[in-house]
Amino acid sequence: MSKPISPFEASPPSVRKLIVSAVVAILGAAAVLVTVILPAEYNIDPTRLGAALGLTALNAPAKTVQVTDVVGGNEKYRDVPIPDFGEPVPLPNPAVFQKTNGASRSDALTITLQSGQQTEIKALLKTAQVVTFSWSAEGGMVYTDFHGHEPGAGGDFWVRYEEQQSGTGGSGSLVAPFDGEHGWYWLSLSEQPMTIKLAVNGYHEKIIDYGVSNESGSASGSK
């Protein structure tokens, strides 16, 4: 008669199962070592998964910059650590930053207009370059049209940024939408002499002054 088997007795695993379990455990430990421990602790990342998970940053070497101090006429060098701010969010519009080879320029003009006279002043700008401006009319009001011309699109192409039927001043900024001339047309509405003072600051190449005339017209027809 065979001995009854108790439900609380466990059958020992076979040698094959023990070997398989050991191999699986070793492979799992090796995977954790390569993908987690080495990148996080030693900055070693053969699979590149550690960088994707941000683990290499935990033990990455500090960034430094060498600076020179002059003490008593002698130069001394030292390394200054640079903070690591992580990866930035990509700019939604890269054109918001434009590096230039030179400093910004400033121009100030004063134009005198007789009754009914007109003038036009333009800033020559490359695409995405920026200017800030302010202008004021002293001695009367003016009609003004702030607009831009793109020479390559033909003489009839122009865009308007702002129009004032009777104004005495304005200020703001402009990021050029295209290469070309961007500026103001003014027509005196005063019955006596008046002056317009204009200040332009930014990365324009130059200011173009088309002078004063007695001809009637509009910005769309002026060049």
C-alpha atoms as a PDB file:
ATOM      1  CA  MET A   1       0.000   0.000   0.000  1.00  0.00           C
ATOM      2  CA  SER A   2       1.461   3.400  -1.046  1.00  0.00           C
ATOM      3  CA  LYS A   3       1.980   6.191   1.431  1.00  0.00           C
ATOM      4  CA  PRO A   4      -0.629   8.976   1.118  1.00  0.00           C
ATOM      5  CA  ILE A   5       0.762  12.324  -0.066  1.00  0.00           C
ATOM      6  CA  SER A   6       0.097  15.253   2.244  1.00  0.00           C
ATOM      7  CA  PRO A   7      -1.152  18.456   0.558  1.00  0.00           C
ATOM      8  CA  PHE A   8       1.459  20.333   2.652  1.00  0.00           C
ATOM      9  CA  GLU A   9       4.354  18.435   1.156  1.00  0.00           C
ATOM     10  CA  ALA A  10       6.105  20.112  -1.824  1.00  0.00           C
ATOM     11  CA  SER A  11       7.846  18.163  -4.496  1.00  0.00           C
ATOM     12  CA  PRO A  12      11.447  19.313  -4.941  1.00  0.00           C
ATOM     13  CA  PRO A  13      12.063  21.017  -8.325  1.00  0.00           C
ATOM     14  CA  SER A  14      13.942  19.150 -10.914  1.00  0.00           C
ATOM     15  CA  VAL A  15      17.556  19.924 -11.739  1.00  0.00           C
ATOM     16  CA  ARG A  16      16.466  21.318 -15.116  1.00  0.00           C
ATOM     17  CA  LYS A  17      14.077  23.805 -13.504  1.00  0.00           C
ATOM     18  CA  LEU A  18      16.767  24.922 -11.076  1.00  0.00           C
ATOM     19  CA  ILE A  19      19.177  25.572 -13.927  1.00  0.00           C
ATOM     20  CA  VAL A  20      16.573  27.501 -15.944  1.00  0.00           C
ATOM     21  CA  SER A  21      15.653  29.634 -12.921  1.00  0.00           C
ATOM     22  CA  ALA A  22      19.308  30.381 -12.232  1.00  0.00           C
ATOM     23  CA  VAL A  23      19.933  31.382 -15.845  1.00  0.00           C
ATOM     24  CA  VAL A  24      16.863  33.656 -15.903  1.00  0.00           C
ATOM     25  CA  ALA A  25      17.959  35.304 -12.645  1.00  0.00           C
ATOM     26  CA  ILE A  26      21.483  35.862 -13.960  1.00  0.00           C
ATOM     27  CA  LEU A  27      20.190  37.346 -17.236  1.00  0.00           C
ATOM     28  CA  GLY A  28      17.792  39.639 -15.366  1.00  0.00           C
ATOM     29  CA  ALA A  29      20.541  40.843 -13.042  1.00  0.00           C
ATOM     30  CA  ALA A  30      22.833  41.435 -16.032  1.00  0.00           C
ATOM     31  CA  ALA A  31      20.114  43.467 -17.780  1.00  0.00           C
ATOM     32  CA  VAL A  32      19.582  45.617 -14.677  1.00  0.00           C
ATOM     33  CA  LEU A  33      23.353  46.067 -14.345  1.00  0.00           C
ATOM     34  CA  VAL A  34      23.817  47.187 -17.958  1.00  0.00           C
ATOM     35  CA  THR A  35      20.694  49.351 -18.343  1.00  0.00           C
ATOM     36  CA  VAL A  36      20.383  50.881 -14.844  1.00  0.00           C
ATOM     37  CA  ILE A  37      23.330  50.475 -12.487  1.00  0.00           C
ATOM     38  CA  LEU A  38      26.211  51.168 -14.898  1.00  0.00           C
ATOM     39  CA  PRO A  39      24.618  54.332 -16.414  1.00  0.00           C
ATOM     40  CA  ALA A  40      23.474  55.699 -13.058  1.00  0.00           C
ATOM     41  CA  GLU A  41      26.530  54.878 -10.963  1.00  0.00           C
ATOM     42  CA  TYR A  42      29.428  54.906 -13.416  1.00  0.00           C
ATOM     43  CA  ASN A  43      28.101  56.856 -16.440  1.00  0.00           C
ATOM     44  CA  ILE A  44      28.665  53.767 -18.609  1.00  0.00           C
ATOM     45  CA  ASP A  45      25.818  53.355 -21.084  1.00  0.00           C
ATOM     46  CA  PRO A  46      26.522  50.713 -23.781  1.00  0.00           C
ATOM     47  CA  THR A  47      22.830  50.350 -24.713  1.00  0.00           C
ATOM     48  CA  ARG A  48      22.043  54.137 -24.726  1.00  0.00           C
ATOM     49  CA  LEU A  49      18.944  53.306 -22.686  1.00  0.00           C
ATOM     50  CA  GLY A  50      20.388  55.007 -19.633  1.00  0.00           C
ATOM     51  CA  ALA A  51      20.637  58.333 -21.486  1.00  0.00           C
ATOM     52  CA  ALA A  52      17.058  57.961 -22.730  1.00  0.00           C
ATOM     53  CA  LEU A  53      15.891  57.398 -19.151  1.00  0.00           C
ATOM     54  CA  GLY A  54      18.012  60.277 -17.795  1.00  0.00           C
ATOM     55  CA  LEU A  55      20.158  57.972 -15.668  1.00  0.00           C
ATOM     56  CA  THR A  56      23.548  59.033 -17.028  1.00  0.00           C
ATOM     57  CA  ALA A  57      22.919  62.576 -15.806  1.00  0.00           C
ATOM     58  CA  LEU A  58      23.003  61.276 -12.225  1.00  0.00           C
ATOM     59  CA  ASN A  59      26.719  60.590 -12.410  1.00  0.00           C
ATOM     60  CA  ALA A  60      27.815  62.661 -15.406  1.00  0.00           C
ATOM     61  CA  PRO A  61      31.031  64.624 -14.977  1.00  0.00           C
ATOM     62  CA  ALA A  62      30.429  68.243 -14.013  1.00  0.00           C
ATOM     63  CA  LYS A  63      30.783  70.771 -16.823  1.00  0.00           C
ATOM     64  CA  THR A  64      33.443  73.360 -16.164  1.00  0.00           C
ATOM     65  CA  VAL A  65      34.871  76.396 -17.875  1.00  0.00           C
ATOM     66  CA  GLN A  66      38.391  77.667 -17.375  1.00  0.00           C
ATOM     67  CA  VAL A  67      38.676  81.310 -16.377  1.00  0.00           C
ATOM     68  CA  THR A  68      41.743  83.467 -15.989  1.00  0.00           C
ATOM     69  CA  ASP A  69      42.380  85.702 -13.008  1.00  0.00           C
ATOM     70  CA  VAL A  70      45.137  88.293 -12.969  1.00  0.00           C
ATOM     71  CA  VAL A  71      46.564  88.670  -9.470  1.00  0.00           C
ATOM     72  CA  GLY A  72      49.556  90.907  -8.941  1.00  0.00           C
ATOM     73  CA  GLY A  73      50.313  90.875 -12.639  1.00  0.00           C
ATOM     74  CA  ASN A  74      50.334  87.071 -12.757  1.00  0.00           C
ATOM     75  CA  GLU A  75      47.709  84.978 -14.526  1.00  0.00           C
ATOM     76  CA  LYS A  76      46.061  82.195 -12.572  1.00  0.00           C
ATOM     77  CA  TYR A  77      43.718  79.624 -14.074  1.00  0.00           C
ATOM     78  CA  ARG A  78      40.820  77.945 -12.342  1.00  0.00           C
ATOM     79  CA  ASP A  79      37.913  75.749 -13.338  1.00  0.00           C
ATOM     80  CA  VAL A  80      34.418  77.044 -12.591  1.00  0.00           C
ATOM     81  CA  PRO A  81      31.556  74.510 -12.557  1.00  0.00           C
ATOM     82  CA  ILE A  82      28.643  75.171 -14.909  1.00  0.00           C
ATOM     83  CA  PRO A  83      25.143  74.221 -13.688  1.00  0.00           C
ATOM     84  CA  ASP A  84      23.423  71.444 -15.608  1.00  0.00           C
ATOM     85  CA  PHE A  85      19.845  72.522 -16.306  1.00  0.00           C
ATOM     86  CA  GLY A  86      18.895  69.430 -18.318  1.00  0.00           C
ATOM     87  CA  GLU A  87      17.482  69.370 -21.819  1.00  0.00           C
ATOM     88  CA  PRO A  88      15.519  72.512 -22.864  1.00  0.00           C
ATOM     89  CA  VAL A  89      12.121  72.476 -24.502  1.00  0.00           C
ATOM     90  CA  PRO A  90      12.517  73.047 -28.280  1.00  0.00           C
ATOM     91  CA  LEU A  91      11.648  76.553 -29.415  1.00  0.00           C
ATOM     92  CA  PRO A  92       8.249  76.691 -31.120  1.00  0.00           C
ATOM     93  CA  ASN A  93       9.637  79.278 -33.530  1.00  0.00           C
ATOM     94  CA  PRO A  94      13.430  79.296 -33.968  1.00  0.00           C
ATOM     95  CA  ALA A  95      13.272  82.756 -35.569  1.00  0.00           C
ATOM     96  CA  VAL A  96      12.719  84.359 -32.153  1.00  0.00           C
ATOM     97  CA  PHE A  97      16.508  84.256 -31.759  1.00  0.00           C
ATOM     98  CA  GLN A  98      18.755  85.786 -34.407  1.00  0.00           C
ATOM     99  CA  LYS A  99      22.482  85.966 -33.815  1.00  0.00           C
ATOM    100  CA  THR A 100      24.255  88.910 -35.436  1.00  0.00           C
ATOM    101  CA  ASN A 101      27.875  89.698 -36.135  1.00  0.00           C
ATOM    102  CA  GLY A 102      27.651  93.242 -34.799  1.00  0.00           C
ATOM    103  CA  ALA A 103      25.995  95.387 -32.195  1.00  0.00           C
ATOM    104  CA  SER A 104      22.623  96.999 -32.666  1.00  0.00           C
ATOM    105  CA  ARG A 105      22.500 100.535 -34.032  1.00  0.00           C
ATOM    106  CA  SER A 106      20.567 103.631 -33.065  1.00  0.00           C
ATOM    107  CA  ASP A 107      19.278 106.354 -35.381  1.00  0.00           C
ATOM    108  CA  ALA A 108      17.486 109.584 -34.533  1.00  0.00           C
ATOM    109  CA  LEU A 109      15.953 111.894 -37.134  1.00  0.00           C
ATOM    110  CA  THR A 110      14.084 115.183 -37.032  1.00  0.00           C
ATOM    111  CA  ILE A 111      11.980 116.086 -40.091  1.00  0.00           C
ATOM    112  CA  THR A 112      10.332 119.451 -40.643  1.00  0.00           C
ATOM    113  CA  LEU A 113       7.104 119.471 -42.683  1.00  0.00           C
ATOM    114  CA  GLN A 114       5.235 122.444 -44.037  1.00  0.00           C
ATOM    115  CA  SER A 115       1.465 122.360 -44.373  1.00  0.00           C
ATOM    116  CA  GLY A 116       0.451 119.522 -46.742  1.00  0.00           C
ATOM    117  CA  GLN A 117       3.977 118.151 -47.158  1.00  0.00           C
ATOM    118  CA  GLN A 118       4.811 114.455 -46.877  1.00  0.00           C
ATOM    119  CA  THR A 119       7.850 112.303 -46.164  1.00  0.00           C
ATOM    120  CA  GLU A 120       8.854 108.675 -45.944  1.00  0.00           C
ATOM    121  CA  ILE A 121      11.521 107.042 -43.749  1.00  0.00           C
ATOM    122  CA  LYS A 122      12.463 103.362 -44.023  1.00  0.00           C
ATOM    123  CA  ALA A 123      14.635 100.915 -42.069  1.00  0.00           C
ATOM    124  CA  LEU A 124      16.390  98.292 -44.206  1.00  0.00           C
ATOM    125  CA  LEU A 125      15.959  94.915 -42.487  1.00  0.00           C
ATOM    126  CA  LYS A 126      16.716  91.264 -43.090  1.00  0.00           C
ATOM    127  CA  THR A 127      14.057  88.642 -42.354  1.00  0.00           C
ATOM    128  CA  ALA A 128      13.420  88.104 -38.609  1.00  0.00           C
ATOM    129  CA  GLN A 129      15.627  91.019 -37.541  1.00  0.00           C
ATOM    130  CA  VAL A 130      14.046  93.326 -34.991  1.00  0.00           C
ATOM    131  CA  VAL A 131      13.798  97.062 -34.398  1.00  0.00           C
ATOM    132  CA  THR A 132      12.144  99.138 -31.721  1.00  0.00           C
ATOM    133  CA  PHE A 133      10.919 102.636 -32.508  1.00  0.00           C
ATOM    134  CA  SER A 134       9.184 105.729 -31.229  1.00  0.00           C
ATOM    135  CA  TRP A 135       8.068 108.871 -33.025  1.00  0.00           C
ATOM    136  CA  SER A 136       6.248 112.060 -32.129  1.00  0.00           C
ATOM    137  CA  ALA A 137       4.713 114.902 -34.135  1.00  0.00           C
ATOM    138  CA  GLU A 138       5.142 118.387 -32.679  1.00  0.00           C
ATOM    139  CA  GLY A 139       3.116 121.349 -33.869  1.00  0.00           C
ATOM    140  CA  GLY A 140       0.188 119.442 -35.382  1.00  0.00           C
ATOM    141  CA  MET A 141      -1.242 116.103 -36.422  1.00  0.00           C
ATOM    142  CA  VAL A 142      -0.218 113.796 -39.237  1.00  0.00           C
ATOM    143  CA  TYR A 143      -1.639 110.971 -41.281  1.00  0.00           C
ATOM    144  CA  THR A 144       0.768 108.026 -40.925  1.00  0.00           C
ATOM    145  CA  ASP A 145       1.103 104.599 -42.467  1.00  0.00           C
ATOM    146  CA  PHE A 146       3.618 102.109 -41.055  1.00  0.00           C
ATOM    147  CA  HIS A 147       4.309  99.541 -43.780  1.00  0.00           C
ATOM    148  CA  GLY A 148       6.884  97.383 -45.549  1.00  0.00           C
ATOM    149  CA  HIS A 149       8.037  96.764 -49.128  1.00  0.00           C
ATOM    150  CA  GLU A 150       9.613  93.583 -50.448  1.00  0.00           C
ATOM    151  CA  PRO A 151      11.657  94.664 -53.501  1.00  0.00           C
ATOM    152  CA  GLY A 152      11.812  91.188 -54.994  1.00  0.00           C
ATOM    153  CA  ALA A 153       8.007  90.918 -55.109  1.00  0.00           C
ATOM    154  CA  GLY A 154       7.529  93.899 -57.428  1.00  0.00           C
ATOM    155  CA  GLY A 155       6.713  97.552 -56.965  1.00  0.00           C
ATOM    156  CA  ASP A 156       3.038  96.997 -56.145  1.00  0.00           C
ATOM    157  CA  PHE A 157       3.669  94.617 -53.220  1.00  0.00           C
ATOM    158  CA  TRP A 158       3.507  96.135 -49.743  1.00  0.00           C
ATOM    159  CA  VAL A 159       2.123  95.221 -46.320  1.00  0.00           C
ATOM    160  CA  ARG A 160       0.647  97.517 -43.668  1.00  0.00           C
ATOM    161  CA  TYR A 161       1.465  97.219 -39.975  1.00  0.00           C
ATOM    162  CA  GLU A 162      -0.438 100.247 -38.679  1.00  0.00           C
ATOM    163  CA  GLU A 163      -2.399 103.232 -39.967  1.00  0.00           C
ATOM    164  CA  GLN A 164      -3.393 106.430 -38.138  1.00  0.00           C
ATOM    165  CA  GLN A 165      -5.784 108.873 -39.794  1.00  0.00           C
ATOM    166  CA  SER A 166      -4.726 111.701 -37.480  1.00  0.00           C
ATOM    167  CA  GLY A 167      -1.998 110.968 -34.992  1.00  0.00           C
ATOM    168  CA  THR A 168       0.682 112.665 -32.941  1.00  0.00           C
ATOM    169  CA  GLY A 169       2.979 109.759 -32.093  1.00  0.00           C
ATOM    170  CA  GLY A 170       3.578 106.051 -31.754  1.00  0.00           C
ATOM    171  CA  SER A 171       6.002 103.433 -30.476  1.00  0.00           C
ATOM    172  CA  GLY A 172       6.506  99.699 -30.700  1.00  0.00           C
ATOM    173  CA  SER A 173       8.652  97.014 -32.269  1.00  0.00           C
ATOM    174  CA  LEU A 174       8.825  95.073 -35.507  1.00  0.00           C
ATOM    175  CA  VAL A 175      10.224  91.666 -36.447  1.00  0.00           C
ATOM    176  CA  ALA A 176      10.725  91.885 -40.200  1.00  0.00           C
ATOM    177  CA  PRO A 177       8.560  89.308 -42.037  1.00  0.00           C
ATOM    178  CA  PHE A 178      10.793  89.537 -45.115  1.00  0.00           C
ATOM    179  CA  ASP A 179      13.944  91.196 -46.456  1.00  0.00           C
ATOM    180  CA  GLY A 180      13.156  94.744 -47.456  1.00  0.00           C
ATOM    181  CA  GLU A 181      12.287  98.291 -46.424  1.00  0.00           C
ATOM    182  CA  HIS A 182      10.050  98.803 -43.407  1.00  0.00           C
ATOM    183  CA  GLY A 183       9.018 102.229 -42.230  1.00  0.00           C
ATOM    184  CA  TRP A 184       6.701 105.214 -42.168  1.00  0.00           C
ATOM    185  CA  TYR A 185       4.860 107.533 -44.502  1.00  0.00           C
ATOM    186  CA  TRP A 186       3.776 110.822 -42.903  1.00  0.00           C
ATOM    187  CA  LEU A 187       1.503 113.538 -44.336  1.00  0.00           C
ATOM    188  CA  SER A 188       1.182 116.818 -42.464  1.00  0.00           C
ATOM    189  CA  LEU A 189      -2.386 117.783 -41.544  1.00  0.00           C
ATOM    190  CA  SER A 190      -1.283 121.008 -39.909  1.00  0.00           C
ATOM    191  CA  GLU A 191      -1.736 124.505 -41.342  1.00  0.00           C
ATOM    192  CA  GLN A 192       1.599 125.566 -39.895  1.00  0.00           C
ATOM    193  CA  PRO A 193       5.143 124.106 -39.919  1.00  0.00           C
ATOM    194  CA  MET A 194       5.607 121.040 -37.738  1.00  0.00           C
ATOM    195  CA  THR A 195       8.369 118.533 -36.878  1.00  0.00           C
ATOM    196  CA  ILE A 196       8.476 114.766 -36.599  1.00  0.00           C
ATOM    197  CA  LYS A 197      11.057 113.186 -34.315  1.00  0.00           C
ATOM    198  CA  LEU A 198      11.875 109.527 -34.953  1.00  0.00           C
ATOM    199  CA  ALA A 199      14.123 107.145 -32.989  1.00  0.00           C
ATOM    200  CA  VAL A 200      14.905 103.658 -34.323  1.00  0.00           C
ATOM    201  CA  ASN A 201      16.992 101.090 -32.430  1.00  0.00           C
ATOM    202  CA  GLY A 202      17.815  97.553 -33.477  1.00  0.00           C
ATOM    203  CA  TYR A 203      19.439  95.413 -36.125  1.00  0.00           C
ATOM    204  CA  HIS A 204      18.554  97.343 -39.256  1.00  0.00           C
ATOM    205  CA  GLU A 205      21.263  97.790 -41.863  1.00  0.00           C
ATOM    206  CA  LYS A 206      20.572 101.447 -42.441  1.00  0.00           C
ATOM    207  CA  ILE A 207      17.910 104.190 -42.487  1.00  0.00           C
ATOM    208  CA  ILE A 208      16.633 105.390 -45.862  1.00  0.00           C
ATOM    209  CA  ASP A 209      15.317 108.969 -45.969  1.00  0.00           C
ATOM    210  CA  TYR A 210      13.228 109.634 -49.073  1.00  0.00           C
ATOM    211  CA  GLY A 211      13.043 113.332 -48.295  1.00  0.00           C
ATOM    212  CA  VAL A 212      10.153 115.798 -48.178  1.00  0.00           C
ATOM    213  CA  SER A 213       7.794 116.490 -51.068  1.00  0.00           C
ATOM    214  CA  ASN A 214       4.633 118.424 -51.773  1.00  0.00           C
ATOM    215  CA  GLU A 215       3.074 115.642 -53.825  1.00  0.00           C
ATOM    216  CA  SER A 216      -0.120 114.090 -52.565  1.00  0.00           C
ATOM    217  CA  GLY A 217      -0.159 110.304 -52.369  1.00  0.00           C
ATOM    218  CA  SER A 218      -0.272 107.275 -50.138  1.00  0.00           C
ATOM    219  CA  ALA A 219       2.188 104.772 -48.753  1.00  0.00           C
ATOM    220  CA  SER A 220       1.176 102.123 -51.260  1.00  0.00           C
ATOM    221  CA  GLY A 221       2.429 104.304 -54.074  1.00  0.00           C
ATOM    222  CA  SER A 222       5.597 105.551 -52.367  1.00  0.00           C
ATOM    223  CA  LYS A 223       8.853 103.718 -52.728  1.00  0.00           C
END
